[in-house]
Amino acid sequence: MEKKYTAIIRKSKLEYVAICLELNVSARGDDLADVEKNLKTAIELYLEDTKEHPGMVVSPISTDEIIEFLRDTEPDWYKEPGEGLILKPLEIHEVPSYA
């Protein structure tokens, strides 16, 4: 069975940015298809490196890093929540798991 990985993709001002949560690997692209292809390639290359260098530490993205990623890719349309609200909207696109 192939291992599956979870990705978050956000649109920044200039491009799409994706990050794999389990491996803390990221990629960029001009559109969703491009960033998906680039992330899959980045994951494959990363996994090849871990096989060649067994001492390499593989760790998931930390909470602080995911928060920084979300802040850095905050959409232009985002406005501060209204009075009494603390939650921020998050635009979600269904993204396939990567093997």
PDB file of N, CA and C in Angstrom:
ATOM      1  N   MET A   1       0.847  -1.190   0.000  1.00  0.00           N
ATOM      2  CA  MET A   1       0.000   0.000   0.000  1.00  0.00           C
ATOM      3  C   MET A   1       0.891   1.252   0.000  1.00  0.00           C
ATOM      4  N   GLU A   2       0.515   2.224  -0.810  1.00  0.00           N
ATOM      5  CA  GLU A   2       1.268   3.465  -0.895  1.00  0.00           C
ATOM      6  C   GLU A   2       0.896   4.396   0.249  1.00  0.00           C
ATOM      7  N   LYS A   3       1.878   5.127   0.740  1.00  0.00           N
ATOM      8  CA  LYS A   3       1.652   6.116   1.787  1.00  0.00           C
ATOM      9  C   LYS A   3       0.974   7.334   1.157  1.00  0.00           C
ATOM     10  N   LYS A   4       0.019   7.908   1.870  1.00  0.00           N
ATOM     11  CA  LYS A   4      -0.658   9.111   1.384  1.00  0.00           C
ATOM     12  C   LYS A   4      -0.261  10.289   2.252  1.00  0.00           C
ATOM     13  N   TYR A   5      -0.200  11.461   1.635  1.00  0.00           N
ATOM     14  CA  TYR A   5       0.198  12.680   2.316  1.00  0.00           C
ATOM     15  C   TYR A   5      -0.880  13.745   2.142  1.00  0.00           C
ATOM     16  N   THR A   6      -0.967  14.609   3.125  1.00  0.00           N
ATOM     17  CA  THR A   6      -1.969  15.669   3.136  1.00  0.00           C
ATOM     18  C   THR A   6      -1.316  16.992   2.767  1.00  0.00           C
ATOM     19  N   ALA A   7      -1.998  17.765   1.925  1.00  0.00           N
ATOM     20  CA  ALA A   7      -1.448  19.056   1.505  1.00  0.00           C
ATOM     21  C   ALA A   7      -2.462  20.163   1.738  1.00  0.00           C
ATOM     22  N   ILE A   8      -1.937  21.333   2.033  1.00  0.00           N
ATOM     23  CA  ILE A   8      -2.745  22.560   2.080  1.00  0.00           C
ATOM     24  C   ILE A   8      -2.222  23.439   0.950  1.00  0.00           C
ATOM     25  N   ILE A   9      -3.145  23.931   0.140  1.00  0.00           N
ATOM     26  CA  ILE A   9      -2.777  24.818  -0.965  1.00  0.00           C
ATOM     27  C   ILE A   9      -3.484  26.153  -0.759  1.00  0.00           C
ATOM     28  N   ARG A  10      -2.710  27.215  -0.865  1.00  0.00           N
ATOM     29  CA  ARG A  10      -3.278  28.561  -0.735  1.00  0.00           C
ATOM     30  C   ARG A  10      -2.808  29.406  -1.904  1.00  0.00           C
ATOM     31  N   LYS A  11      -3.621  30.377  -2.254  1.00  0.00           N
ATOM     32  CA  LYS A  11      -3.226  31.324  -3.298  1.00  0.00           C
ATOM     33  C   LYS A  11      -2.648  32.544  -2.612  1.00  0.00           C
ATOM     34  N   SER A  12      -1.388  32.829  -2.909  1.00  0.00           N
ATOM     35  CA  SER A  12      -0.782  34.058  -2.411  1.00  0.00           C
ATOM     36  C   SER A  12      -1.043  35.150  -3.455  1.00  0.00           C
ATOM     37  N   LYS A  13      -0.433  36.302  -3.290  1.00  0.00           N
ATOM     38  CA  LYS A  13      -0.679  37.398  -4.228  1.00  0.00           C
ATOM     39  C   LYS A  13      -0.236  37.057  -5.642  1.00  0.00           C
ATOM     40  N   LEU A  14       0.846  36.307  -5.801  1.00  0.00           N
ATOM     41  CA  LEU A  14       1.410  36.060  -7.121  1.00  0.00           C
ATOM     42  C   LEU A  14       1.260  34.634  -7.637  1.00  0.00           C
ATOM     43  N   GLU A  15       1.064  33.679  -6.731  1.00  0.00           N
ATOM     44  CA  GLU A  15       1.075  32.282  -7.144  1.00  0.00           C
ATOM     45  C   GLU A  15       0.350  31.412  -6.122  1.00  0.00           C
ATOM     46  N   TYR A  16       0.247  30.131  -6.430  1.00  0.00           N
ATOM     47  CA  TYR A  16      -0.278  29.157  -5.486  1.00  0.00           C
ATOM     48  C   TYR A  16       0.896  28.556  -4.730  1.00  0.00           C
ATOM     49  N   VAL A  17       0.697  28.309  -3.445  1.00  0.00           N
ATOM     50  CA  VAL A  17       1.720  27.718  -2.598  1.00  0.00           C
ATOM     51  C   VAL A  17       1.090  26.519  -1.893  1.00  0.00           C
ATOM     52  N   ALA A  18       1.841  25.398  -1.868  1.00  0.00           N
ATOM     53  CA  ALA A  18       1.344  24.178  -1.232  1.00  0.00           C
ATOM     54  C   ALA A  18       2.362  23.682  -0.232  1.00  0.00           C
ATOM     55  N   ILE A  19       1.860  23.037   0.817  1.00  0.00           N
ATOM     56  CA  ILE A  19       2.750  22.442   1.806  1.00  0.00           C
ATOM     57  C   ILE A  19       2.203  21.077   2.201  1.00  0.00           C
ATOM     58  N   CYS A  20       3.093  20.105   2.287  1.00  0.00           N
ATOM     59  CA  CYS A  20       2.743  18.759   2.729  1.00  0.00           C
ATOM     60  C   CYS A  20       2.892  18.722   4.246  1.00  0.00           C
ATOM     61  N   LEU A  21       1.819  18.425   4.943  1.00  0.00           N
ATOM     62  CA  LEU A  21       1.820  18.497   6.401  1.00  0.00           C
ATOM     63  C   LEU A  21       2.717  17.442   7.047  1.00  0.00           C
ATOM     64  N   GLU A  22       2.718  16.245   6.502  1.00  0.00           N
ATOM     65  CA  GLU A  22       3.475  15.148   7.125  1.00  0.00           C
ATOM     66  C   GLU A  22       4.986  15.286   6.945  1.00  0.00           C
ATOM     67  N   LEU A  23       5.419  15.913   5.850  1.00  0.00           N
ATOM     68  CA  LEU A  23       6.847  15.976   5.536  1.00  0.00           C
ATOM     69  C   LEU A  23       7.434  17.379   5.627  1.00  0.00           C
ATOM     70  N   ASN A  24       6.594  18.392   5.733  1.00  0.00           N
ATOM     71  CA  ASN A  24       7.029  19.788   5.739  1.00  0.00           C
ATOM     72  C   ASN A  24       7.799  20.117   4.460  1.00  0.00           C
ATOM     73  N   VAL A  25       7.221  19.703   3.337  1.00  0.00           N
ATOM     74  CA  VAL A  25       7.768  19.966   2.011  1.00  0.00           C
ATOM     75  C   VAL A  25       6.816  20.926   1.315  1.00  0.00           C
ATOM     76  N   SER A  26       7.363  21.913   0.627  1.00  0.00           N
ATOM     77  CA  SER A  26       6.496  22.891  -0.032  1.00  0.00           C
ATOM     78  C   SER A  26       6.816  23.011  -1.512  1.00  0.00           C
ATOM     79  N   ALA A  27       5.883  23.626  -2.240  1.00  0.00           N
ATOM     80  CA  ALA A  27       6.051  23.861  -3.670  1.00  0.00           C
ATOM     81  C   ALA A  27       5.207  25.060  -4.065  1.00  0.00           C
ATOM     82  N   ARG A  28       5.521  25.615  -5.251  1.00  0.00           N
ATOM     83  CA  ARG A  28       4.779  26.751  -5.785  1.00  0.00           C
ATOM     84  C   ARG A  28       4.336  26.427  -7.196  1.00  0.00           C
ATOM     85  N   GLY A  29       3.339  27.187  -7.676  1.00  0.00           N
ATOM     86  CA  GLY A  29       2.881  27.012  -9.042  1.00  0.00           C
ATOM     87  C   GLY A  29       1.995  28.156  -9.474  1.00  0.00           C
ATOM     88  N   ASP A  30       1.799  28.280 -10.788  1.00  0.00           N
ATOM     89  CA  ASP A  30       0.978  29.359 -11.336  1.00  0.00           C
ATOM     90  C   ASP A  30      -0.517  29.109 -11.183  1.00  0.00           C
ATOM     91  N   ASP A  31      -0.915  27.838 -11.108  1.00  0.00           N
ATOM     92  CA  ASP A  31      -2.323  27.487 -10.925  1.00  0.00           C
ATOM     93  C   ASP A  31      -2.397  26.207 -10.097  1.00  0.00           C
ATOM     94  N   LEU A  32      -3.614  25.750  -9.808  1.00  0.00           N
ATOM     95  CA  LEU A  32      -3.773  24.569  -8.955  1.00  0.00           C
ATOM     96  C   LEU A  32      -3.110  23.331  -9.552  1.00  0.00           C
ATOM     97  N   ALA A  33      -3.270  23.121 -10.850  1.00  0.00           N
ATOM     98  CA  ALA A  33      -2.670  21.946 -11.485  1.00  0.00           C
ATOM     99  C   ALA A  33      -1.144  22.010 -11.401  1.00  0.00           C
ATOM    100  N   ASP A  34      -0.586  23.182 -11.611  1.00  0.00           N
ATOM    101  CA  ASP A  34       0.860  23.356 -11.578  1.00  0.00           C
ATOM    102  C   ASP A  34       1.417  23.126 -10.177  1.00  0.00           C
ATOM    103  N   VAL A  35       0.797  23.708  -9.166  1.00  0.00           N
ATOM    104  CA  VAL A  35       1.291  23.545  -7.802  1.00  0.00           C
ATOM    105  C   VAL A  35       1.120  22.098  -7.340  1.00  0.00           C
ATOM    106  N   GLU A  36       0.061  21.441  -7.762  1.00  0.00           N
ATOM    107  CA  GLU A  36      -0.143  20.035  -7.402  1.00  0.00           C
ATOM    108  C   GLU A  36       0.963  19.165  -8.013  1.00  0.00           C
ATOM    109  N   LYS A  37       1.270  19.393  -9.285  1.00  0.00           N
ATOM    110  CA  LYS A  37       2.327  18.642  -9.969  1.00  0.00           C
ATOM    111  C   LYS A  37       3.681  18.908  -9.295  1.00  0.00           C
ATOM    112  N   ASN A  38       3.946  20.161  -8.969  1.00  0.00           N
ATOM    113  CA  ASN A  38       5.213  20.524  -8.341  1.00  0.00           C
ATOM    114  C   ASN A  38       5.349  19.948  -6.944  1.00  0.00           C
ATOM    115  N   LEU A  39       4.252  19.905  -6.190  1.00  0.00           N
ATOM    116  CA  LEU A  39       4.314  19.325  -4.851  1.00  0.00           C
ATOM    117  C   LEU A  39       4.551  17.823  -4.925  1.00  0.00           C
ATOM    118  N   LYS A  40       3.878  17.168  -5.840  1.00  0.00           N
ATOM    119  CA  LYS A  40       4.080  15.727  -5.993  1.00  0.00           C
ATOM    120  C   LYS A  40       5.551  15.437  -6.321  1.00  0.00           C
ATOM    121  N   THR A  41       6.128  16.223  -7.219  1.00  0.00           N
ATOM    122  CA  THR A  41       7.536  16.062  -7.573  1.00  0.00           C
ATOM    123  C   THR A  41       8.439  16.316  -6.364  1.00  0.00           C
ATOM    124  N   ALA A  42       8.148  17.373  -5.608  1.00  0.00           N
ATOM    125  CA  ALA A  42       8.946  17.705  -4.426  1.00  0.00           C
ATOM    126  C   ALA A  42       8.890  16.585  -3.387  1.00  0.00           C
ATOM    127  N   ILE A  43       7.712  16.001  -3.193  1.00  0.00           N
ATOM    128  CA  ILE A  43       7.565  14.886  -2.248  1.00  0.00           C
ATOM    129  C   ILE A  43       8.389  13.685  -2.723  1.00  0.00           C
ATOM    130  N   GLU A  44       8.291  13.358  -4.009  1.00  0.00           N
ATOM    131  CA  GLU A  44       9.039  12.225  -4.550  1.00  0.00           C
ATOM    132  C   GLU A  44      10.544  12.425  -4.377  1.00  0.00           C
ATOM    133  N   LEU A  45      11.043  13.628  -4.682  1.00  0.00           N
ATOM    134  CA  LEU A  45      12.473  13.919  -4.530  1.00  0.00           C
ATOM    135  C   LEU A  45      12.902  13.857  -3.069  1.00  0.00           C
ATOM    136  N   TYR A  46      12.063  14.372  -2.194  1.00  0.00           N
ATOM    137  CA  TYR A  46      12.360  14.347  -0.759  1.00  0.00           C
ATOM    138  C   TYR A  46      12.451  12.908  -0.257  1.00  0.00           C
ATOM    139  N   LEU A  47      11.504  12.067  -0.673  1.00  0.00           N
ATOM    140  CA  LEU A  47      11.514  10.671  -0.240  1.00  0.00           C
ATOM    141  C   LEU A  47      12.727   9.923  -0.795  1.00  0.00           C
ATOM    142  N   GLU A  48      13.154  10.252  -2.012  1.00  0.00           N
ATOM    143  CA  GLU A  48      14.372   9.648  -2.573  1.00  0.00           C
ATOM    144  C   GLU A  48      15.581  10.049  -1.724  1.00  0.00           C
ATOM    145  N   ASP A  49      15.656  11.313  -1.322  1.00  0.00           N
ATOM    146  CA  ASP A  49      16.756  11.781  -0.478  1.00  0.00           C
ATOM    147  C   ASP A  49      16.777  11.055   0.862  1.00  0.00           C
ATOM    148  N   THR A  50      15.609  10.821   1.440  1.00  0.00           N
ATOM    149  CA  THR A  50      15.577  10.136   2.735  1.00  0.00           C
ATOM    150  C   THR A  50      16.043   8.687   2.610  1.00  0.00           C
ATOM    151  N   LYS A  51      15.815   8.060   1.451  1.00  0.00           N
ATOM    152  CA  LYS A  51      16.312   6.698   1.235  1.00  0.00           C
ATOM    153  C   LYS A  51      17.834   6.699   1.082  1.00  0.00           C
ATOM    154  N   GLU A  52      18.367   7.694   0.373  1.00  0.00           N
ATOM    155  CA  GLU A  52      19.810   7.793   0.157  1.00  0.00           C
ATOM    156  C   GLU A  52      20.555   8.212   1.423  1.00  0.00           C
ATOM    157  N   HIS A  53      19.900   8.946   2.305  1.00  0.00           N
ATOM    158  CA  HIS A  53      20.512   9.449   3.539  1.00  0.00           C
ATOM    159  C   HIS A  53      19.645   9.014   4.725  1.00  0.00           C
ATOM    160  N   PRO A  54      19.809   7.773   5.194  1.00  0.00           N
ATOM    161  CA  PRO A  54      18.935   7.240   6.244  1.00  0.00           C
ATOM    162  C   PRO A  54      18.968   8.023   7.561  1.00  0.00           C
ATOM    163  N   GLY A  55      20.011   8.791   7.789  1.00  0.00           N
ATOM    164  CA  GLY A  55      20.094   9.570   9.016  1.00  0.00           C
ATOM    165  C   GLY A  55      19.255  10.843   8.993  1.00  0.00           C
ATOM    166  N   MET A  56      18.685  11.150   7.851  1.00  0.00           N
ATOM    167  CA  MET A  56      17.875  12.353   7.700  1.00  0.00           C
ATOM    168  C   MET A  56      16.619  12.257   8.565  1.00  0.00           C
ATOM    169  N   VAL A  57      16.320  13.310   9.277  1.00  0.00           N
ATOM    170  CA  VAL A  57      15.145  13.327  10.150  1.00  0.00           C
ATOM    171  C   VAL A  57      13.946  13.827   9.357  1.00  0.00           C
ATOM    172  N   VAL A  58      12.885  13.029   9.332  1.00  0.00           N
ATOM    173  CA  VAL A  58      11.640  13.408   8.663  1.00  0.00           C
ATOM    174  C   VAL A  58      10.651  13.801   9.747  1.00  0.00           C
ATOM    175  N   SER A  59      10.154  15.023   9.677  1.00  0.00           N
ATOM    176  CA  SER A  59       9.210  15.458  10.704  1.00  0.00           C
ATOM    177  C   SER A  59       8.084  16.270  10.070  1.00  0.00           C
ATOM    178  N   PRO A  60       6.896  16.185  10.657  1.00  0.00           N
ATOM    179  CA  PRO A  60       5.765  16.957  10.133  1.00  0.00           C
ATOM    180  C   PRO A  60       5.947  18.445  10.422  1.00  0.00           C
ATOM    181  N   ILE A  61       5.129  19.236   9.762  1.00  0.00           N
ATOM    182  CA  ILE A  61       5.168  20.676   9.981  1.00  0.00           C
ATOM    183  C   ILE A  61       4.705  20.981  11.404  1.00  0.00           C
ATOM    184  N   SER A  62       5.370  21.922  12.040  1.00  0.00           N
ATOM    185  CA  SER A  62       4.998  22.295  13.404  1.00  0.00           C
ATOM    186  C   SER A  62       3.802  23.252  13.370  1.00  0.00           C
ATOM    187  N   THR A  63       3.166  23.391  14.500  1.00  0.00           N
ATOM    188  CA  THR A  63       2.031  24.312  14.610  1.00  0.00           C
ATOM    189  C   THR A  63       2.451  25.736  14.277  1.00  0.00           C
ATOM    190  N   ASP A  64       3.599  26.158  14.781  1.00  0.00           N
ATOM    191  CA  ASP A  64       4.085  27.518  14.505  1.00  0.00           C
ATOM    192  C   ASP A  64       4.322  27.722  13.015  1.00  0.00           C
ATOM    193  N   GLU A  65       4.880  26.701  12.346  1.00  0.00           N
ATOM    194  CA  GLU A  65       5.150  26.818  10.915  1.00  0.00           C
ATOM    195  C   GLU A  65       3.863  26.848  10.100  1.00  0.00           C
ATOM    196  N   ILE A  66       2.862  26.072  10.486  1.00  0.00           N
ATOM    197  CA  ILE A  66       1.591  26.079   9.750  1.00  0.00           C
ATOM    198  C   ILE A  66       0.889  27.426   9.933  1.00  0.00           C
ATOM    199  N   ILE A  67       0.967  27.994  11.112  1.00  0.00           N
ATOM    200  CA  ILE A  67       0.374  29.313  11.348  1.00  0.00           C
ATOM    201  C   ILE A  67       1.092  30.366  10.505  1.00  0.00           C
ATOM    202  N   GLU A  68       2.425  30.295  10.439  1.00  0.00           N
ATOM    203  CA  GLU A  68       3.187  31.228   9.606  1.00  0.00           C
ATOM    204  C   GLU A  68       2.822  31.058   8.129  1.00  0.00           C
ATOM    205  N   PHE A  69       2.685  29.818   7.671  1.00  0.00           N
ATOM    206  CA  PHE A  69       2.287  29.545   6.290  1.00  0.00           C
ATOM    207  C   PHE A  69       0.926  30.169   5.984  1.00  0.00           C
ATOM    208  N   LEU A  70      -0.027  29.996   6.881  1.00  0.00           N
ATOM    209  CA  LEU A  70      -1.366  30.544   6.667  1.00  0.00           C
ATOM    210  C   LEU A  70      -1.353  32.068   6.673  1.00  0.00           C
ATOM    211  N   ARG A  71      -0.561  32.657   7.540  1.00  0.00           N
ATOM    212  CA  ARG A  71      -0.461  34.130   7.569  1.00  0.00           C
ATOM    213  C   ARG A  71       0.213  34.668   6.317  1.00  0.00           C
ATOM    214  N   ASP A  72       1.272  33.995   5.882  1.00  0.00           N
ATOM    215  CA  ASP A  72       2.010  34.449   4.697  1.00  0.00           C
ATOM    216  C   ASP A  72       1.181  34.340   3.420  1.00  0.00           C
ATOM    217  N   THR A  73       0.226  33.440   3.402  1.00  0.00           N
ATOM    218  CA  THR A  73      -0.591  33.228   2.205  1.00  0.00           C
ATOM    219  C   THR A  73      -2.015  33.711   2.407  1.00  0.00           C
ATOM    220  N   GLU A  74      -2.200  34.625   3.343  1.00  0.00           N
ATOM    221  CA  GLU A  74      -3.535  35.154   3.618  1.00  0.00           C
ATOM    222  C   GLU A  74      -4.084  35.827   2.359  1.00  0.00           C
ATOM    223  N   PRO A  75      -5.294  35.455   1.948  1.00  0.00           N
ATOM    224  CA  PRO A  75      -5.843  36.005   0.705  1.00  0.00           C
ATOM    225  C   PRO A  75      -6.111  37.509   0.790  1.00  0.00           C
ATOM    226  N   ASP A  76      -6.056  38.171  -0.363  1.00  0.00           N
ATOM    227  CA  ASP A  76      -6.317  39.612  -0.423  1.00  0.00           C
ATOM    228  C   ASP A  76      -7.715  39.964   0.056  1.00  0.00           C
ATOM    229  N   TRP A  77      -8.679  39.055  -0.194  1.00  0.00           N
ATOM    230  CA  TRP A  77     -10.061  39.367   0.143  1.00  0.00           C
ATOM    231  C   TRP A  77     -10.329  39.288   1.640  1.00  0.00           C
ATOM    232  N   TYR A  78      -9.380  38.772   2.434  1.00  0.00           N
ATOM    233  CA  TYR A  78      -9.607  38.604   3.867  1.00  0.00           C
ATOM    234  C   TYR A  78      -9.763  39.947   4.567  1.00  0.00           C
ATOM    235  N   LYS A  79     -10.757  40.040   5.375  1.00  0.00           N
ATOM    236  CA  LYS A  79     -10.984  41.214   6.222  1.00  0.00           C
ATOM    237  C   LYS A  79     -11.004  40.742   7.675  1.00  0.00           C
ATOM    238  N   GLU A  80     -10.687  41.630   8.569  1.00  0.00           N
ATOM    239  CA  GLU A  80     -10.734  41.278   9.995  1.00  0.00           C
ATOM    240  C   GLU A  80     -12.145  40.824  10.354  1.00  0.00           C
ATOM    241  N   PRO A  81     -12.245  39.815  11.259  1.00  0.00           N
ATOM    242  CA  PRO A  81     -13.579  39.354  11.651  1.00  0.00           C
ATOM    243  C   PRO A  81     -14.370  40.486  12.311  1.00  0.00           C
ATOM    244  N   GLY A  82     -15.669  40.400  12.179  1.00  0.00           N
ATOM    245  CA  GLY A  82     -16.529  41.416  12.776  1.00  0.00           C
ATOM    246  C   GLY A  82     -16.455  41.407  14.291  1.00  0.00           C
ATOM    247  N   GLU A  83     -17.084  42.387  14.891  1.00  0.00           N
ATOM    248  CA  GLU A  83     -17.057  42.511  16.346  1.00  0.00           C
ATOM    249  C   GLU A  83     -17.636  41.265  16.999  1.00  0.00           C
ATOM    250  N   GLY A  84     -16.921  40.741  17.975  1.00  0.00           N
ATOM    251  CA  GLY A  84     -17.374  39.563  18.697  1.00  0.00           C
ATOM    252  C   GLY A  84     -16.983  38.250  18.031  1.00  0.00           C
ATOM    253  N   LEU A  85     -16.401  38.318  16.831  1.00  0.00           N
ATOM    254  CA  LEU A  85     -15.978  37.099  16.138  1.00  0.00           C
ATOM    255  C   LEU A  85     -14.460  36.949  16.234  1.00  0.00           C
ATOM    256  N   ILE A  86     -13.999  35.727  16.384  1.00  0.00           N
ATOM    257  CA  ILE A  86     -12.556  35.497  16.450  1.00  0.00           C
ATOM    258  C   ILE A  86     -12.059  34.582  15.332  1.00  0.00           C
ATOM    259  N   LEU A  87     -12.955  33.895  14.654  1.00  0.00           N
ATOM    260  CA  LEU A  87     -12.548  32.947  13.625  1.00  0.00           C
ATOM    261  C   LEU A  87     -12.305  33.635  12.295  1.00  0.00           C
ATOM    262  N   LYS A  88     -11.283  33.196  11.584  1.00  0.00           N
ATOM    263  CA  LYS A  88     -10.981  33.717  10.254  1.00  0.00           C
ATOM    264  C   LYS A  88     -11.515  32.747   9.215  1.00  0.00           C
ATOM    265  N   PRO A  89     -12.007  33.238   8.091  1.00  0.00           N
ATOM    266  CA  PRO A  89     -12.443  32.333   7.031  1.00  0.00           C
ATOM    267  C   PRO A  89     -11.234  31.673   6.380  1.00  0.00           C
ATOM    268  N   LEU A  90     -11.399  30.441   5.940  1.00  0.00           N
ATOM    269  CA  LEU A  90     -10.344  29.713   5.263  1.00  0.00           C
ATOM    270  C   LEU A  90     -10.915  29.128   3.990  1.00  0.00           C
ATOM    271  N   GLU A  91     -10.373  29.553   2.853  1.00  0.00           N
ATOM    272  CA  GLU A  91     -10.836  29.038   1.576  1.00  0.00           C
ATOM    273  C   GLU A  91     -10.297  27.623   1.405  1.00  0.00           C
ATOM    274  N   ILE A  92     -11.172  26.664   1.151  1.00  0.00           N
ATOM    275  CA  ILE A  92     -10.779  25.260   1.063  1.00  0.00           C
ATOM    276  C   ILE A  92     -11.047  24.733  -0.333  1.00  0.00           C
ATOM    277  N   HIS A  93     -10.068  24.020  -0.869  1.00  0.00           N
ATOM    278  CA  HIS A  93     -10.243  23.283  -2.125  1.00  0.00           C
ATOM    279  C   HIS A  93      -9.906  21.830  -1.809  1.00  0.00           C
ATOM    280  N   GLU A  94     -10.693  20.917  -2.316  1.00  0.00           N
ATOM    281  CA  GLU A  94     -10.378  19.510  -2.091  1.00  0.00           C
ATOM    282  C   GLU A  94      -9.138  19.168  -2.897  1.00  0.00           C
ATOM    283  N   VAL A  95      -8.167  18.583  -2.223  1.00  0.00           N
ATOM    284  CA  VAL A  95      -6.908  18.232  -2.855  1.00  0.00           C
ATOM    285  C   VAL A  95      -6.660  16.748  -2.660  1.00  0.00           C
ATOM    286  N   PRO A  96      -6.277  16.052  -3.706  1.00  0.00           N
ATOM    287  CA  PRO A  96      -6.034  14.623  -3.563  1.00  0.00           C
ATOM    288  C   PRO A  96      -4.832  14.349  -2.671  1.00  0.00           C
ATOM    289  N   SER A  97      -4.837  13.201  -2.039  1.00  0.00           N
ATOM    290  CA  SER A  97      -3.659  12.766  -1.272  1.00  0.00           C
ATOM    291  C   SER A  97      -2.596  12.333  -2.259  1.00  0.00           C
ATOM    292  N   TYR A  98      -1.355  12.510  -1.882  1.00  0.00           N
ATOM    293  CA  TYR A  98      -0.256  12.180  -2.766  1.00  0.00           C
ATOM    294  C   TYR A  98       0.432  10.919  -2.286  1.00  0.00           C
ATOM    295  N   ALA A  99       0.749  10.044  -3.216  1.00  0.00           N
ATOM    296  CA  ALA A  99       1.449   8.809  -2.858  1.00  0.00           C
ATOM    297  C   ALA A  99       2.892   8.907  -3.273  1.00  0.00           C
TER     298      ALA A  99
END
